[in-house]
C-alpha atoms as a PDB file:
ATOM      1  CA  UNK A   1      -8.845 -14.221  10.931  1.00  0.00           C
ATOM      2  CA  UNK A   2      -9.856 -11.127   9.004  1.00  0.00           C
ATOM      3  CA  UNK A   3      -7.891  -7.999   9.726  1.00  0.00           C
ATOM      4  CA  UNK A   4      -9.293  -6.542  12.955  1.00  0.00           C
ATOM      5  CA  UNK A   5      -7.839  -3.122  13.697  1.00  0.00           C
ATOM      6  CA  UNK A   6      -8.533  -1.797  17.194  1.00  0.00           C
ATOM      7  CA  UNK A   7      -9.222   1.849  17.919  1.00  0.00           C
ATOM      8  CA  UNK A   8      -6.144   3.794  18.926  1.00  0.00           C
ATOM      9  CA  UNK A   9      -6.317   3.045  22.653  1.00  0.00           C
ATOM     10  CA  UNK A  10      -4.009   0.853  24.697  1.00  0.00           C
ATOM     11  CA  UNK A  11      -6.910  -0.893  26.423  1.00  0.00           C
ATOM     12  CA  UNK A  12      -8.464  -2.292  23.253  1.00  0.00           C
ATOM     13  CA  UNK A  13      -5.047  -3.305  21.912  1.00  0.00           C
ATOM     14  CA  UNK A  14      -4.520  -5.479  24.987  1.00  0.00           C
ATOM     15  CA  UNK A  15      -7.964  -7.046  24.618  1.00  0.00           C
ATOM     16  CA  UNK A  16      -7.223  -7.809  20.967  1.00  0.00           C
ATOM     17  CA  UNK A  17      -3.829  -9.302  21.776  1.00  0.00           C
ATOM     18  CA  UNK A  18      -5.151 -11.705  24.410  1.00  0.00           C
ATOM     19  CA  UNK A  19      -7.919 -12.868  22.078  1.00  0.00           C
ATOM     20  CA  UNK A  20      -5.515 -13.486  19.209  1.00  0.00           C
ATOM     21  CA  UNK A  21      -3.376 -15.707  21.396  1.00  0.00           C
ATOM     22  CA  UNK A  22      -6.336 -18.065  21.679  1.00  0.00           C
ATOM     23  CA  UNK A  23      -6.085 -18.770  17.937  1.00  0.00           C
ATOM     24  CA  UNK A  24      -9.582 -17.550  17.057  1.00  0.00           C
ATOM     25  CA  UNK A  25     -10.415 -13.880  16.970  1.00  0.00           C
ATOM     26  CA  UNK A  26     -13.702 -13.362  18.788  1.00  0.00           C
ATOM     27  CA  UNK A  27     -14.396  -9.653  19.145  1.00  0.00           C
ATOM     28  CA  UNK A  28     -16.504  -9.033  22.213  1.00  0.00           C
ATOM     29  CA  UNK A  29     -17.883  -5.952  23.919  1.00  0.00           C
ATOM     30  CA  UNK A  30     -14.489  -4.835  25.187  1.00  0.00           C
ATOM     31  CA  UNK A  31     -13.549  -4.269  21.555  1.00  0.00           C
ATOM     32  CA  UNK A  32     -16.322  -1.734  20.977  1.00  0.00           C
ATOM     33  CA  UNK A  33     -15.492   1.919  20.716  1.00  0.00           C
ATOM     34  CA  UNK A  34     -15.698   3.755  24.006  1.00  0.00           C
ATOM     35  CA  UNK A  35     -19.026   5.530  24.262  1.00  0.00           C
ATOM     36  CA  UNK A  36     -20.341   3.732  21.176  1.00  0.00           C
ATOM     37  CA  UNK A  37     -23.648   2.014  20.532  1.00  0.00           C
ATOM     38  CA  UNK A  38     -22.706  -1.704  20.769  1.00  0.00           C
ATOM     39  CA  UNK A  39     -25.416  -2.588  18.236  1.00  0.00           C
ATOM     40  CA  UNK A  40     -24.535   0.023  15.604  1.00  0.00           C
ATOM     41  CA  UNK A  41     -22.172  -0.788  12.712  1.00  0.00           C
ATOM     42  CA  UNK A  42     -21.012   0.825   9.479  1.00  0.00           C
ATOM     43  CA  UNK A  43     -21.032  -1.644   6.565  1.00  0.00           C
ATOM     44  CA  UNK A  44     -18.774  -0.892   3.575  1.00  0.00           C
ATOM     45  CA  UNK A  45     -17.825  -3.028   0.588  1.00  0.00           C
ATOM     46  CA  UNK A  46     -15.670  -2.829  -2.538  1.00  0.00           C
ATOM     47  CA  UNK A  47     -13.634   0.265  -1.688  1.00  0.00           C
ATOM     48  CA  UNK A  48     -11.042  -0.593  -4.406  1.00  0.00           C
ATOM     49  CA  UNK A  49      -8.393   1.807  -3.101  1.00  0.00           C
ATOM     50  CA  UNK A  50      -5.337   2.307  -5.302  1.00  0.00           C
ATOM     51  CA  UNK A  51      -1.882   3.415  -4.198  1.00  0.00           C
ATOM     52  CA  UNK A  52      -2.319   6.515  -6.332  1.00  0.00           C
ATOM     53  CA  UNK A  53      -5.132   8.612  -4.807  1.00  0.00           C
ATOM     54  CA  UNK A  54      -5.770  10.211  -8.199  1.00  0.00           C
ATOM     55  CA  UNK A  55      -6.663   6.891  -9.888  1.00  0.00           C
ATOM     56  CA  UNK A  56     -10.062   6.924 -11.585  1.00  0.00           C
ATOM     57  CA  UNK A  57     -12.080   3.893 -12.684  1.00  0.00           C
ATOM     58  CA  UNK A  58     -15.469   4.063 -14.405  1.00  0.00           C
ATOM     59  CA  UNK A  59     -15.411   7.847 -13.921  1.00  0.00           C
ATOM     60  CA  UNK A  60     -15.002   7.464 -10.151  1.00  0.00           C
ATOM     61  CA  UNK A  61     -12.153   8.499  -7.874  1.00  0.00           C
ATOM     62  CA  UNK A  62     -12.222   5.698  -5.315  1.00  0.00           C
ATOM     63  CA  UNK A  63     -10.089   7.521  -2.740  1.00  0.00           C
ATOM     64  CA  UNK A  64     -12.406  10.535  -2.840  1.00  0.00           C
ATOM     65  CA  UNK A  65     -15.382   8.251  -2.238  1.00  0.00           C
ATOM     66  CA  UNK A  66     -13.724   6.600   0.756  1.00  0.00           C
ATOM     67  CA  UNK A  67     -12.787   9.972   2.198  1.00  0.00           C
ATOM     68  CA  UNK A  68     -16.403  11.106   1.885  1.00  0.00           C
ATOM     69  CA  UNK A  69     -17.669   7.989   3.649  1.00  0.00           C
ATOM     70  CA  UNK A  70     -15.138   8.368   6.470  1.00  0.00           C
ATOM     71  CA  UNK A  71     -16.189  11.988   6.961  1.00  0.00           C
ATOM     72  CA  UNK A  72     -19.855  10.997   7.090  1.00  0.00           C
ATOM     73  CA  UNK A  73     -19.172   8.305   9.678  1.00  0.00           C
ATOM     74  CA  UNK A  74     -17.227  10.808  11.762  1.00  0.00           C
ATOM     75  CA  UNK A  75     -20.267  13.108  11.851  1.00  0.00           C
ATOM     76  CA  UNK A  76     -22.721  10.479  13.088  1.00  0.00           C
ATOM     77  CA  UNK A  77     -24.684  11.430  16.195  1.00  0.00           C
ATOM     78  CA  UNK A  78     -23.924   8.009  17.696  1.00  0.00           C
ATOM     79  CA  UNK A  79     -20.590   6.257  17.348  1.00  0.00           C
ATOM     80  CA  UNK A  80     -20.687   2.780  15.739  1.00  0.00           C
ATOM     81  CA  UNK A  81     -19.201  -0.157  17.593  1.00  0.00           C
ATOM     82  CA  UNK A  82     -17.269  -1.086  14.474  1.00  0.00           C
ATOM     83  CA  UNK A  83     -16.759  -0.655  10.745  1.00  0.00           C
ATOM     84  CA  UNK A  84     -16.743  -3.656   8.406  1.00  0.00           C
ATOM     85  CA  UNK A  85     -15.180  -3.490   4.929  1.00  0.00           C
ATOM     86  CA  UNK A  86     -16.565  -6.538   3.133  1.00  0.00           C
ATOM     87  CA  UNK A  87     -13.716  -7.268   0.744  1.00  0.00           C
ATOM     88  CA  UNK A  88     -12.103  -5.855  -2.378  1.00  0.00           C
ATOM     89  CA  UNK A  89     -10.392  -3.319  -0.185  1.00  0.00           C
ATOM     90  CA  UNK A  90      -7.750  -2.815  -2.888  1.00  0.00           C
ATOM     91  CA  UNK A  91      -8.176  -1.672  -6.466  1.00  0.00           C
ATOM     92  CA  UNK A  92      -6.961  -4.591  -8.548  1.00  0.00           C
ATOM     93  CA  UNK A  93      -4.250  -6.936  -7.262  1.00  0.00           C
ATOM     94  CA  UNK A  94      -3.888  -5.988  -3.591  1.00  0.00           C
ATOM     95  CA  UNK A  95      -0.510  -4.267  -3.830  1.00  0.00           C
ATOM     96  CA  UNK A  96       1.282  -2.914  -0.738  1.00  0.00           C
ATOM     97  CA  UNK A  97       0.734   0.706  -1.738  1.00  0.00           C
ATOM     98  CA  UNK A  98      -3.004   0.094  -2.054  1.00  0.00           C
ATOM     99  CA  UNK A  99      -3.274  -0.951   1.596  1.00  0.00           C
ATOM    100  CA  UNK A 100      -1.014   1.848   2.759  1.00  0.00           C
ATOM    101  CA  UNK A 101      -3.422   4.295   1.107  1.00  0.00           C
ATOM    102  CA  UNK A 102      -6.378   2.403   2.586  1.00  0.00           C
ATOM    103  CA  UNK A 103      -4.859   2.605   6.076  1.00  0.00           C
ATOM    104  CA  UNK A 104      -4.326   6.328   5.602  1.00  0.00           C
ATOM    105  CA  UNK A 105      -7.918   6.809   4.484  1.00  0.00           C
ATOM    106  CA  UNK A 106      -9.323   4.844   7.420  1.00  0.00           C
ATOM    107  CA  UNK A 107      -7.068   6.441  10.035  1.00  0.00           C
ATOM    108  CA  UNK A 108      -9.705   9.018  11.110  1.00  0.00           C
ATOM    109  CA  UNK A 109     -12.043   6.134  11.945  1.00  0.00           C
ATOM    110  CA  UNK A 110      -9.468   4.538  14.226  1.00  0.00           C
ATOM    111  CA  UNK A 111      -8.617   7.877  15.796  1.00  0.00           C
ATOM    112  CA  UNK A 112     -12.329   8.316  16.411  1.00  0.00           C
ATOM    113  CA  UNK A 113     -12.256   5.160  18.507  1.00  0.00           C
ATOM    114  CA  UNK A 114     -13.991   2.826  16.032  1.00  0.00           C
ATOM    115  CA  UNK A 115     -12.523  -0.653  15.405  1.00  0.00           C
ATOM    116  CA  UNK A 116     -12.107  -1.844  11.806  1.00  0.00           C
ATOM    117  CA  UNK A 117     -12.844  -5.313  10.441  1.00  0.00           C
ATOM    118  CA  UNK A 118     -11.467  -5.965   6.932  1.00  0.00           C
ATOM    119  CA  UNK A 119     -12.443  -9.014   4.873  1.00  0.00           C
ATOM    120  CA  UNK A 120     -10.798 -10.498   1.809  1.00  0.00           C
ATOM    121  CA  UNK A 121     -12.120 -10.057  -1.729  1.00  0.00           C
ATOM    122  CA  UNK A 122     -10.867 -11.402  -5.036  1.00  0.00           C
ATOM    123  CA  UNK A 123      -8.853  -8.207  -5.630  1.00  0.00           C
ATOM    124  CA  UNK A 124      -7.085  -8.484  -2.263  1.00  0.00           C
ATOM    125  CA  UNK A 125      -3.874 -10.194  -1.195  1.00  0.00           C
ATOM    126  CA  UNK A 126      -3.397 -11.547   2.314  1.00  0.00           C
ATOM    127  CA  UNK A 127       0.275 -10.730   2.847  1.00  0.00           C
ATOM    128  CA  UNK A 128       0.355  -7.057   1.755  1.00  0.00           C
ATOM    129  CA  UNK A 129      -2.863  -6.439   3.699  1.00  0.00           C
ATOM    130  CA  UNK A 130      -1.327  -7.947   6.820  1.00  0.00           C
ATOM    131  CA  UNK A 131       1.852  -5.958   6.272  1.00  0.00           C
ATOM    132  CA  UNK A 132      -0.095  -2.696   6.476  1.00  0.00           C
ATOM    133  CA  UNK A 133      -1.634  -3.802   9.785  1.00  0.00           C
ATOM    134  CA  UNK A 134       1.308  -5.864  10.995  1.00  0.00           C
ATOM    135  CA  UNK A 135       0.273  -6.199  14.653  1.00  0.00           C
ATOM    136  CA  UNK A 136      -2.952  -7.972  13.703  1.00  0.00           C
ATOM    137  CA  UNK A 137      -1.473 -11.329  12.696  1.00  0.00           C
ATOM    138  CA  UNK A 138      -2.612 -14.409  14.596  1.00  0.00           C
ATOM    139  CA  UNK A 139      -0.105 -17.220  15.066  1.00  0.00           C
ATOM    140  CA  UNK A 140      -2.827 -19.868  14.753  1.00  0.00           C
ATOM    141  CA  UNK A 141      -5.701 -18.979  12.417  1.00  0.00           C
ATOM    142  CA  UNK A 142      -8.656 -21.385  12.778  1.00  0.00           C
ATOM    143  CA  UNK A 143      -8.431 -22.326   9.075  1.00  0.00           C
ATOM    144  CA  UNK A 144      -5.065 -22.156   7.349  1.00  0.00           C
ATOM    145  CA  UNK A 145      -4.942 -19.535   4.621  1.00  0.00           C
ATOM    146  CA  UNK A 146      -8.372 -18.132   5.468  1.00  0.00           C
ATOM    147  CA  UNK A 147      -9.109 -14.911   7.342  1.00  0.00           C
ATOM    148  CA  UNK A 148     -12.222 -15.760   9.363  1.00  0.00           C
ATOM    149  CA  UNK A 149     -13.634 -14.818  12.752  1.00  0.00           C
ATOM    150  CA  UNK A 150     -16.664 -13.770  14.807  1.00  0.00           C
ATOM    151  CA  UNK A 151     -17.861 -10.430  16.163  1.00  0.00           C
ATOM    152  CA  UNK A 152     -20.158 -10.890  19.164  1.00  0.00           C
ATOM    153  CA  UNK A 153     -22.846  -8.269  19.772  1.00  0.00           C
ATOM    154  CA  UNK A 154     -25.784  -8.210  22.225  1.00  0.00           C
ATOM    155  CA  UNK A 155     -28.436  -9.185  19.665  1.00  0.00           C
ATOM    156  CA  UNK A 156     -26.554 -11.230  17.063  1.00  0.00           C
ATOM    157  CA  UNK A 157     -23.142 -12.684  16.338  1.00  0.00           C
ATOM    158  CA  UNK A 158     -21.498 -11.682  13.048  1.00  0.00           C
ATOM    159  CA  UNK A 159     -19.483 -14.437  11.353  1.00  0.00           C
ATOM    160  CA  UNK A 160     -16.854 -13.176   8.892  1.00  0.00           C
ATOM    161  CA  UNK A 161     -15.775 -15.544   6.118  1.00  0.00           C
ATOM    162  CA  UNK A 162     -13.068 -15.566   3.445  1.00  0.00           C
ATOM    163  CA  UNK A 163     -14.297 -16.469  -0.049  1.00  0.00           C
ATOM    164  CA  UNK A 164     -11.134 -15.610  -1.948  1.00  0.00           C
ATOM    165  CA  UNK A 165     -10.004 -18.413  -4.258  1.00  0.00           C
ATOM    166  CA  UNK A 166      -6.931 -16.614  -5.651  1.00  0.00           C
ATOM    167  CA  UNK A 167      -5.752 -13.035  -6.099  1.00  0.00           C
ATOM    168  CA  UNK A 168      -7.500 -11.304  -9.014  1.00  0.00           C
ATOM    169  CA  UNK A 169      -9.542 -14.424  -9.825  1.00  0.00           C
ATOM    170  CA  UNK A 170     -13.248 -13.605  -9.977  1.00  0.00           C
ATOM    171  CA  UNK A 171     -14.424 -16.996  -8.669  1.00  0.00           C
ATOM    172  CA  UNK A 172     -15.233 -17.302  -4.979  1.00  0.00           C
ATOM    173  CA  UNK A 173     -14.979 -20.385  -2.792  1.00  0.00           C
ATOM    174  CA  UNK A 174     -15.749 -21.376   0.793  1.00  0.00           C
ATOM    175  CA  UNK A 175     -13.876 -24.680   0.751  1.00  0.00           C
ATOM    176  CA  UNK A 176     -14.350 -27.876   2.723  1.00  0.00           C
ATOM    177  CA  UNK A 177     -12.246 -26.862   5.734  1.00  0.00           C
ATOM    178  CA  UNK A 178     -13.905 -23.466   6.120  1.00  0.00           C
ATOM    179  CA  UNK A 179     -17.347 -25.091   5.755  1.00  0.00           C
ATOM    180  CA  UNK A 180     -16.470 -27.444   8.589  1.00  0.00           C
ATOM    181  CA  UNK A 181     -15.327 -24.528  10.760  1.00  0.00           C
ATOM    182  CA  UNK A 182     -18.504 -22.610   9.916  1.00  0.00           C
ATOM    183  CA  UNK A 183     -20.715 -25.550  10.855  1.00  0.00           C
ATOM    184  CA  UNK A 184     -18.958 -25.890  14.213  1.00  0.00           C
ATOM    185  CA  UNK A 185     -19.123 -22.143  14.813  1.00  0.00           C
ATOM    186  CA  UNK A 186     -22.838 -21.981  14.046  1.00  0.00           C
ATOM    187  CA  UNK A 187     -23.609 -25.054  16.139  1.00  0.00           C
ATOM    188  CA  UNK A 188     -21.948 -23.360  19.101  1.00  0.00           C
ATOM    189  CA  UNK A 189     -24.412 -20.459  18.679  1.00  0.00           C
ATOM    190  CA  UNK A 190     -27.761 -22.262  18.462  1.00  0.00           C
ATOM    191  CA  UNK A 191     -29.431 -19.919  20.949  1.00  0.00           C
ATOM    192  CA  UNK A 192     -28.435 -16.637  19.315  1.00  0.00           C
ATOM    193  CA  UNK A 193     -29.170 -15.003  15.957  1.00  0.00           C
ATOM    194  CA  UNK A 194     -26.257 -15.081  13.496  1.00  0.00           C
ATOM    195  CA  UNK A 195     -25.404 -12.862  10.530  1.00  0.00           C
ATOM    196  CA  UNK A 196     -22.859 -14.163   8.011  1.00  0.00           C
ATOM    197  CA  UNK A 197     -20.566 -11.919   5.950  1.00  0.00           C
ATOM    198  CA  UNK A 198     -18.513 -12.852   2.886  1.00  0.00           C
ATOM    199  CA  UNK A 199     -17.310 -10.919  -0.119  1.00  0.00           C
ATOM    200  CA  UNK A 200     -18.683 -13.080  -2.933  1.00  0.00           C
ATOM    201  CA  UNK A 201     -22.314 -13.559  -3.826  1.00  0.00           C
ATOM    202  CA  UNK A 202     -23.988 -16.938  -3.898  1.00  0.00           C
ATOM    203  CA  UNK A 203     -24.380 -18.388  -7.389  1.00  0.00           C
ATOM    204  CA  UNK A 204     -27.201 -20.912  -7.454  1.00  0.00           C
ATOM    205  CA  UNK A 205     -26.959 -21.682 -11.182  1.00  0.00           C
ATOM    206  CA  UNK A 206     -23.657 -23.047 -12.556  1.00  0.00           C
ATOM    207  CA  UNK A 207     -22.055 -21.086 -15.397  1.00  0.00           C
ATOM    208  CA  UNK A 208     -22.500 -22.097 -18.986  1.00  0.00           C
ATOM    209  CA  UNK A 209     -19.915 -24.410 -20.479  1.00  0.00           C
ATOM    210  CA  UNK A 210     -16.646 -22.559 -20.956  1.00  0.00           C
ATOM    211  CA  UNK A 211     -17.607 -19.804 -18.506  1.00  0.00           C
ATOM    212  CA  UNK A 212     -16.104 -19.326 -15.043  1.00  0.00           C
ATOM    213  CA  UNK A 213     -17.961 -19.044 -11.760  1.00  0.00           C
ATOM    214  CA  UNK A 214     -18.486 -15.377 -10.911  1.00  0.00           C
ATOM    215  CA  UNK A 215     -19.799 -16.072  -7.413  1.00  0.00           C
ATOM    216  CA  UNK A 216     -19.190 -18.789  -4.814  1.00  0.00           C
ATOM    217  CA  UNK A 217     -18.558 -22.006  -6.722  1.00  0.00           C
ATOM    218  CA  UNK A 218     -19.582 -24.218  -3.782  1.00  0.00           C
ATOM    219  CA  UNK A 219     -22.777 -22.245  -3.202  1.00  0.00           C
ATOM    220  CA  UNK A 220     -24.883 -25.406  -2.953  1.00  0.00           C
ATOM    221  CA  UNK A 221     -22.963 -26.804   0.025  1.00  0.00           C
ATOM    222  CA  UNK A 222     -22.644 -23.369   1.630  1.00  0.00           C
ATOM    223  CA  UNK A 223     -26.310 -22.485   1.306  1.00  0.00           C
ATOM    224  CA  UNK A 224     -27.525 -25.861   2.553  1.00  0.00           C
ATOM    225  CA  UNK A 225     -25.354 -25.375   5.635  1.00  0.00           C
ATOM    226  CA  UNK A 226     -26.830 -21.923   6.304  1.00  0.00           C
ATOM    227  CA  UNK A 227     -30.401 -23.042   5.622  1.00  0.00           C
ATOM    228  CA  UNK A 228     -30.098 -25.976   8.009  1.00  0.00           C
ATOM    229  CA  UNK A 229     -29.105 -23.673  10.888  1.00  0.00           C
ATOM    230  CA  UNK A 230     -32.216 -21.675  11.794  1.00  0.00           C
ATOM    231  CA  UNK A 231     -30.171 -19.208  13.823  1.00  0.00           C
ATOM    232  CA  UNK A 232     -28.721 -17.842  10.567  1.00  0.00           C
ATOM    233  CA  UNK A 233     -30.879 -14.831   9.745  1.00  0.00           C
ATOM    234  CA  UNK A 234     -28.968 -12.935   7.068  1.00  0.00           C
ATOM    235  CA  UNK A 235     -26.112 -13.165   4.587  1.00  0.00           C
ATOM    236  CA  UNK A 236     -24.317  -9.939   3.629  1.00  0.00           C
ATOM    237  CA  UNK A 237     -22.091  -9.854   0.557  1.00  0.00           C
ATOM    238  CA  UNK A 238     -20.554  -7.493  -2.001  1.00  0.00           C
ATOM    239  CA  UNK A 239     -18.645  -8.293  -5.220  1.00  0.00           C
ATOM    240  CA  UNK A 240     -21.407  -7.480  -7.728  1.00  0.00           C
ATOM    241  CA  UNK A 241     -21.398  -3.736  -6.943  1.00  0.00           C
ATOM    242  CA  UNK A 242     -25.173  -3.738  -6.555  1.00  0.00           C
ATOM    243  CA  UNK A 243     -27.405  -2.593  -3.695  1.00  0.00           C
ATOM    244  CA  UNK A 244     -30.125  -5.235  -3.391  1.00  0.00           C
ATOM    245  CA  UNK A 245     -32.107  -7.044  -0.699  1.00  0.00           C
ATOM    246  CA  UNK A 246     -34.082 -10.255  -1.095  1.00  0.00           C
ATOM    247  CA  UNK A 247     -35.132 -13.232   0.987  1.00  0.00           C
ATOM    248  CA  UNK A 248     -34.785 -16.962   0.415  1.00  0.00           C
ATOM    249  CA  UNK A 249     -35.961 -19.697   2.777  1.00  0.00           C
ATOM    250  CA  UNK A 250     -36.205 -17.163   5.594  1.00  0.00           C
ATOM    251  CA  UNK A 251     -32.639 -15.888   5.127  1.00  0.00           C
ATOM    252  CA  UNK A 252     -32.205 -12.235   4.183  1.00  0.00           C
ATOM    253  CA  UNK A 253     -29.676 -11.829   1.347  1.00  0.00           C
ATOM    254  CA  UNK A 254     -28.193  -8.331   1.379  1.00  0.00           C
ATOM    255  CA  UNK A 255     -25.955  -7.156  -1.441  1.00  0.00           C
ATOM    256  CA  UNK A 256     -24.029  -4.173  -0.068  1.00  0.00           C
ATOM    257  CA  UNK A 257     -23.386  -1.250  -2.412  1.00  0.00           C
ATOM    258  CA  UNK A 258     -19.798  -0.495  -3.440  1.00  0.00           C
ATOM    259  CA  UNK A 259     -18.032   2.497  -1.987  1.00  0.00           C
ATOM    260  CA  UNK A 260     -16.141   2.703  -5.284  1.00  0.00           C
ATOM    261  CA  UNK A 261     -17.876   2.429  -8.665  1.00  0.00           C
ATOM    262  CA  UNK A 262     -21.046   0.740  -9.902  1.00  0.00           C
ATOM    263  CA  UNK A 263     -21.437  -1.413 -13.005  1.00  0.00           C
ATOM    264  CA  UNK A 264     -24.932  -0.048 -13.641  1.00  0.00           C
ATOM    265  CA  UNK A 265     -24.964   3.776 -13.557  1.00  0.00           C
ATOM    266  CA  UNK A 266     -28.550   3.783 -12.280  1.00  0.00           C
ATOM    267  CA  UNK A 267     -27.582   1.961  -9.091  1.00  0.00           C
ATOM    268  CA  UNK A 268     -26.151   3.730  -6.035  1.00  0.00           C
ATOM    269  CA  UNK A 269     -22.689   3.512  -4.579  1.00  0.00           C
ATOM    270  CA  UNK A 270     -22.224   4.293  -0.906  1.00  0.00           C
ATOM    271  CA  UNK A 271     -22.378   2.598   2.480  1.00  0.00           C
ATOM    272  CA  UNK A 272     -24.887   1.288   5.021  1.00  0.00           C
ATOM    273  CA  UNK A 273     -25.426   2.168   8.670  1.00  0.00           C
ATOM    274  CA  UNK A 274     -26.784  -0.924  10.421  1.00  0.00           C
ATOM    275  CA  UNK A 275     -28.672  -0.986  13.726  1.00  0.00           C
ATOM    276  CA  UNK A 276     -28.983  -4.416  15.291  1.00  0.00           C
ATOM    277  CA  UNK A 277     -31.985  -4.920  17.559  1.00  0.00           C
ATOM    278  CA  UNK A 278     -34.088  -7.655  19.082  1.00  0.00           C
ATOM    279  CA  UNK A 279     -35.537  -9.648  16.224  1.00  0.00           C
ATOM    280  CA  UNK A 280     -33.881  -7.864  13.353  1.00  0.00           C
ATOM    281  CA  UNK A 281     -31.658  -5.190  11.892  1.00  0.00           C
ATOM    282  CA  UNK A 282     -32.332  -1.741  10.475  1.00  0.00           C
ATOM    283  CA  UNK A 283     -30.369  -0.678   7.395  1.00  0.00           C
ATOM    284  CA  UNK A 284     -29.870   2.976   6.413  1.00  0.00           C
ATOM    285  CA  UNK A 285     -28.369   3.567   2.967  1.00  0.00           C
ATOM    286  CA  UNK A 286     -26.051   6.554   2.491  1.00  0.00           C
ATOM    287  CA  UNK A 287     -25.283   7.137  -1.196  1.00  0.00           C
ATOM    288  CA  UNK A 288     -22.209   8.918  -2.528  1.00  0.00           C
ATOM    289  CA  UNK A 289     -24.409  11.190  -4.635  1.00  0.00           C
ATOM    290  CA  UNK A 290     -26.604  13.151  -2.250  1.00  0.00           C
ATOM    291  CA  UNK A 291     -29.282  13.534  -4.925  1.00  0.00           C
ATOM    292  CA  UNK A 292     -29.585   9.823  -5.714  1.00  0.00           C
ATOM    293  CA  UNK A 293     -33.255   8.762  -5.366  1.00  0.00           C
ATOM    294  CA  UNK A 294     -32.298   5.982  -2.933  1.00  0.00           C
ATOM    295  CA  UNK A 295     -30.244   8.190  -0.617  1.00  0.00           C
ATOM    296  CA  UNK A 296     -31.367   7.769   3.007  1.00  0.00           C
ATOM    297  CA  UNK A 297     -33.400   4.680   2.154  1.00  0.00           C
ATOM    298  CA  UNK A 298     -34.241   2.767   5.334  1.00  0.00           C
ATOM    299  CA  UNK A 299     -35.085  -0.931   5.377  1.00  0.00           C
ATOM    300  CA  UNK A 300     -36.002  -3.013   8.423  1.00  0.00           C
ATOM    301  CA  UNK A 301     -35.241  -6.717   8.257  1.00  0.00           C
ATOM    302  CA  UNK A 302     -37.059  -8.816  10.846  1.00  0.00           C
ATOM    303  CA  UNK A 303     -36.738 -12.389  12.013  1.00  0.00           C
ATOM    304  CA  UNK A 304     -37.969 -14.738  14.694  1.00  0.00           C
ATOM    305  CA  UNK A 305     -35.813 -16.624  17.139  1.00  0.00           C
END
């Protein structure tokens, strides 16, 4: 399962523990923050936190950016039911100190009663990440070596996948066993909308000879699986450090912005406040630079059951 970190209350810890014993982490309403909106979530991606809080990459201090985002979430008028970090939590190779700094940066969120859900990216490492949140380990993950699970909400279930192929290897992969688990998980949710999260982007065109896959190398099998399940309404991903929304075959493809740095200086970094509702989801972009032209952009994605 991905790393699910409960808010700092005994009640939610007990709910989490009993769920983990079942072998598959399914986060239900009891996991939501007390007094929160059960359909409101904060979506983050590519935080790239380094053990040294002074580290700068591409003229950006990643720790400062995370601290800003955490402060903004703490000032929200309504408390989110959870915060999702969609992979590349760590700066480069997922070292223990990176996750210790990440845990420190996210501590105000937990103290504010908001659960955390951390996914794996290509710059992450399972064991050091687990070590920083040691009580979150499940004895029987549904797919060996993959951190996957489901968050259940009133309007849609959120399926969290693990596309890491290897630490610090850019290529992403779903894999045959995870695809089988995903198919079974989706088939058990035919009567409810589903949103799928993974760190890597889909790559529909294979790389040129001699080049490596930069996205999900088994995109064809993965996408055909999603397309064949009409309950799948959206796919959220990160990895390319680019805020972008498009639609393909009725599935909304949402590239979350990085909290850390961008590859194109004209694009925004930041985070997204997401409001699930009947028949869709509203996305509210919060950029790191308050004067960015896309700051406070709001986009409504709609779908039919």
